C-alpha atoms as a PDB file:
ATOM      1  CA  MET A   1     -52.311 -17.151  81.051  1.00  0.00           C
ATOM      2  CA  ALA A   2     -50.467 -17.682  84.308  1.00  0.00           C
ATOM      3  CA  PHE A   3     -52.506 -16.936  87.966  1.00  0.00           C
ATOM      4  CA  ASN A   4     -49.940 -14.188  88.541  1.00  0.00           C
ATOM      5  CA  THR A   5     -51.803 -12.265  86.369  1.00  0.00           C
ATOM      6  CA  LEU A   6     -54.872 -12.054  88.799  1.00  0.00           C
ATOM      7  CA  VAL A   7     -52.553 -11.224  91.666  1.00  0.00           C
ATOM      8  CA  GLU A   8     -51.187  -8.460  89.185  1.00  0.00           C
ATOM      9  CA  ALA A   9     -54.292  -6.954  88.322  1.00  0.00           C
ATOM     10  CA  GLY A  10     -55.243  -6.958  92.070  1.00  0.00           C
ATOM     11  CA  LEU A  11     -58.376  -9.500  91.610  1.00  0.00           C
ATOM     12  CA  VAL A  12     -56.728 -11.385  94.071  1.00  0.00           C
ATOM     13  CA  ARG A  13     -54.118 -10.900  96.940  1.00  0.00           C
ATOM     14  CA  PRO A  14     -51.377 -12.146  98.626  1.00  0.00           C
ATOM     15  CA  GLY A  15     -52.927 -13.994 101.899  1.00  0.00           C
ATOM     16  CA  GLN A  16     -56.164 -13.917 100.766  1.00  0.00           C
ATOM     17  CA  VAL A  17     -57.595 -17.737 101.393  1.00  0.00           C
ATOM     18  CA  LEU A  18     -59.095 -19.721  98.629  1.00  0.00           C
ATOM     19  CA  THR A  19     -61.232 -23.363  98.776  1.00  0.00           C
ATOM     20  CA  ASP A  20     -62.777 -26.014  96.987  1.00  0.00           C
ATOM     21  CA  ALA A  21     -66.109 -26.029  96.022  1.00  0.00           C
ATOM     22  CA  LYS A  22     -66.928 -27.934  99.087  1.00  0.00           C
ATOM     23  CA  ARG A  23     -64.745 -25.866 101.653  1.00  0.00           C
ATOM     24  CA  ARG A  24     -62.629 -29.363 102.145  1.00  0.00           C
ATOM     25  CA  TRP A  25     -59.297 -27.621 101.242  1.00  0.00           C
ATOM     26  CA  SER A  26     -57.940 -24.107 101.560  1.00  0.00           C
ATOM     27  CA  ALA A  27     -54.881 -22.647 100.517  1.00  0.00           C
ATOM     28  CA  ILE A  28     -53.255 -19.249 100.940  1.00  0.00           C
ATOM     29  CA  ILE A  29     -52.075 -17.196  98.088  1.00  0.00           C
ATOM     30  CA  ARG A  30     -48.447 -16.168  98.121  1.00  0.00           C
ATOM     31  CA  ALA A  31     -47.074 -12.640  96.825  1.00  0.00           C
ATOM     32  CA  ASP A  32     -45.426 -14.393  94.092  1.00  0.00           C
ATOM     33  CA  GLY A  33     -48.563 -16.251  92.586  1.00  0.00           C
ATOM     34  CA  THR A  34     -47.946 -19.510  94.425  1.00  0.00           C
ATOM     35  CA  LEU A  35     -50.422 -21.146  96.874  1.00  0.00           C
ATOM     36  CA  ALA A  36     -49.438 -22.490  99.702  1.00  0.00           C
ATOM     37  CA  ALA A  37     -51.002 -25.185 102.343  1.00  0.00           C
ATOM     38  CA  GLY A  38     -49.856 -27.587 104.819  1.00  0.00           C
ATOM     39  CA  GLY A  39     -46.369 -26.761 104.664  1.00  0.00           C
ATOM     40  CA  GLU A  40     -46.359 -27.337 100.513  1.00  0.00           C
ATOM     41  CA  ALA A  41     -46.398 -24.566  98.132  1.00  0.00           C
ATOM     42  CA  GLY A  42     -46.851 -24.301  94.236  1.00  0.00           C
ATOM     43  CA  SER A  43     -49.134 -23.375  91.177  1.00  0.00           C
ATOM     44  CA  ILE A  44     -52.841 -23.696  91.436  1.00  0.00           C
ATOM     45  CA  HIS A  45     -52.856 -26.900  89.602  1.00  0.00           C
ATOM     46  CA  ARG A  46     -49.920 -28.457  91.516  1.00  0.00           C
ATOM     47  CA  LEU A  47     -51.283 -27.894  95.044  1.00  0.00           C
ATOM     48  CA  GLY A  48     -54.638 -28.570  93.952  1.00  0.00           C
ATOM     49  CA  ALA A  49     -53.453 -32.338  92.535  1.00  0.00           C
ATOM     50  CA  LYS A  50     -51.535 -32.477  96.055  1.00  0.00           C
ATOM     51  CA  VAL A  51     -54.328 -31.648  98.209  1.00  0.00           C
ATOM     52  CA  GLN A  52     -56.306 -33.994  96.606  1.00  0.00           C
ATOM     53  CA  GLY A  53     -54.009 -36.913  96.221  1.00  0.00           C
ATOM     54  CA  LEU A  54     -54.612 -36.992  92.534  1.00  0.00           C
ATOM     55  CA  ASP A  55     -51.665 -36.487  89.844  1.00  0.00           C
ATOM     56  CA  ALA A  56     -53.064 -33.560  87.928  1.00  0.00           C
ATOM     57  CA  CYS A  57     -56.017 -31.089  88.745  1.00  0.00           C
ATOM     58  CA  ASN A  58     -57.073 -27.862  86.714  1.00  0.00           C
ATOM     59  CA  GLY A  59     -56.696 -25.139  89.379  1.00  0.00           C
ATOM     60  CA  TRP A  60     -58.761 -22.709  87.587  1.00  0.00           C
ATOM     61  CA  THR A  61     -62.030 -24.799  88.163  1.00  0.00           C
ATOM     62  CA  PHE A  62     -61.032 -26.541  91.574  1.00  0.00           C
ATOM     63  CA  TRP A  63     -59.695 -23.564  93.526  1.00  0.00           C
ATOM     64  CA  HIS A  64     -62.649 -20.752  94.352  1.00  0.00           C
ATOM     65  CA  TYR A  65     -62.421 -17.394  96.403  1.00  0.00           C
ATOM     66  CA  HIS A  66     -65.289 -15.549  98.324  1.00  0.00           C
ATOM     67  CA  ASP A  67     -66.663 -12.727  96.519  1.00  0.00           C
ATOM     68  CA  GLY A  68     -68.832 -11.219  99.498  1.00  0.00           C
ATOM     69  CA  GLN A  69     -71.762 -13.802  98.738  1.00  0.00           C
ATOM     70  CA  SER A  70     -70.594 -16.734  97.530  1.00  0.00           C
ATOM     71  CA  LEU A  71     -67.511 -18.821  96.478  1.00  0.00           C
ATOM     72  CA  ARG A  72     -66.861 -18.604  93.130  1.00  0.00           C
ATOM     73  CA  PRO A  73     -63.897 -20.579  90.693  1.00  0.00           C
ATOM     74  CA  ILE A  74     -60.853 -18.224  89.762  1.00  0.00           C
ATOM     75  CA  ASP A  75     -61.494 -19.195  86.694  1.00  0.00           C
ATOM     76  CA  ASP A  76     -64.092 -16.645  86.389  1.00  0.00           C
ATOM     77  CA  LEU A  77     -61.583 -13.715  87.148  1.00  0.00           C
ATOM     78  CA  ARG A  78     -59.212 -15.057  84.157  1.00  0.00           C
ATOM     79  CA  ALA A  79     -62.313 -14.759  82.455  1.00  0.00           C
ATOM     80  CA  VAL A  80     -62.270 -10.946  83.610  1.00  0.00           C
ATOM     81  CA  ILE A  81     -58.715 -10.329  82.491  1.00  0.00           C
ATOM     82  CA  ARG A  82     -59.114 -11.698  78.980  1.00  0.00           C
ATOM     83  CA  SER A  83     -61.916 -10.073  78.600  1.00  0.00           C
ATOM     84  CA  ASP A  84     -60.232  -6.552  79.333  1.00  0.00           C
ATOM     85  CA  MET A  85     -57.357  -7.723  77.063  1.00  0.00           C
ATOM     86  CA  ALA A  86     -59.720  -8.230  73.911  1.00  0.00           C
ATOM     87  CA  LYS A  87     -60.889  -4.879  74.504  1.00  0.00           C
ATOM     88  CA  MET A  88     -57.375  -3.575  73.965  1.00  0.00           C
ATOM     89  CA  ASP A  89     -57.506  -5.535  70.550  1.00  0.00           C
END
């Protein structure tokens, strides 16, 4: 599943800020489902790796959103979409 599916479903929105769990790095969600940070833009995986200086990153578990009470991994939102899709089958 692509991250932009979460944008299209309204679970996250363009302009919203995502951070890592310890709030060391942040990125802004773009309308096309990519992230932007420090003059760079890319997928949740590519930008997660870039900000950490790594070759690879699982963006689903690295990036977090604030749900009003705490930081939660965006993977939780992917699980919501998957659950909704399973109900349709």
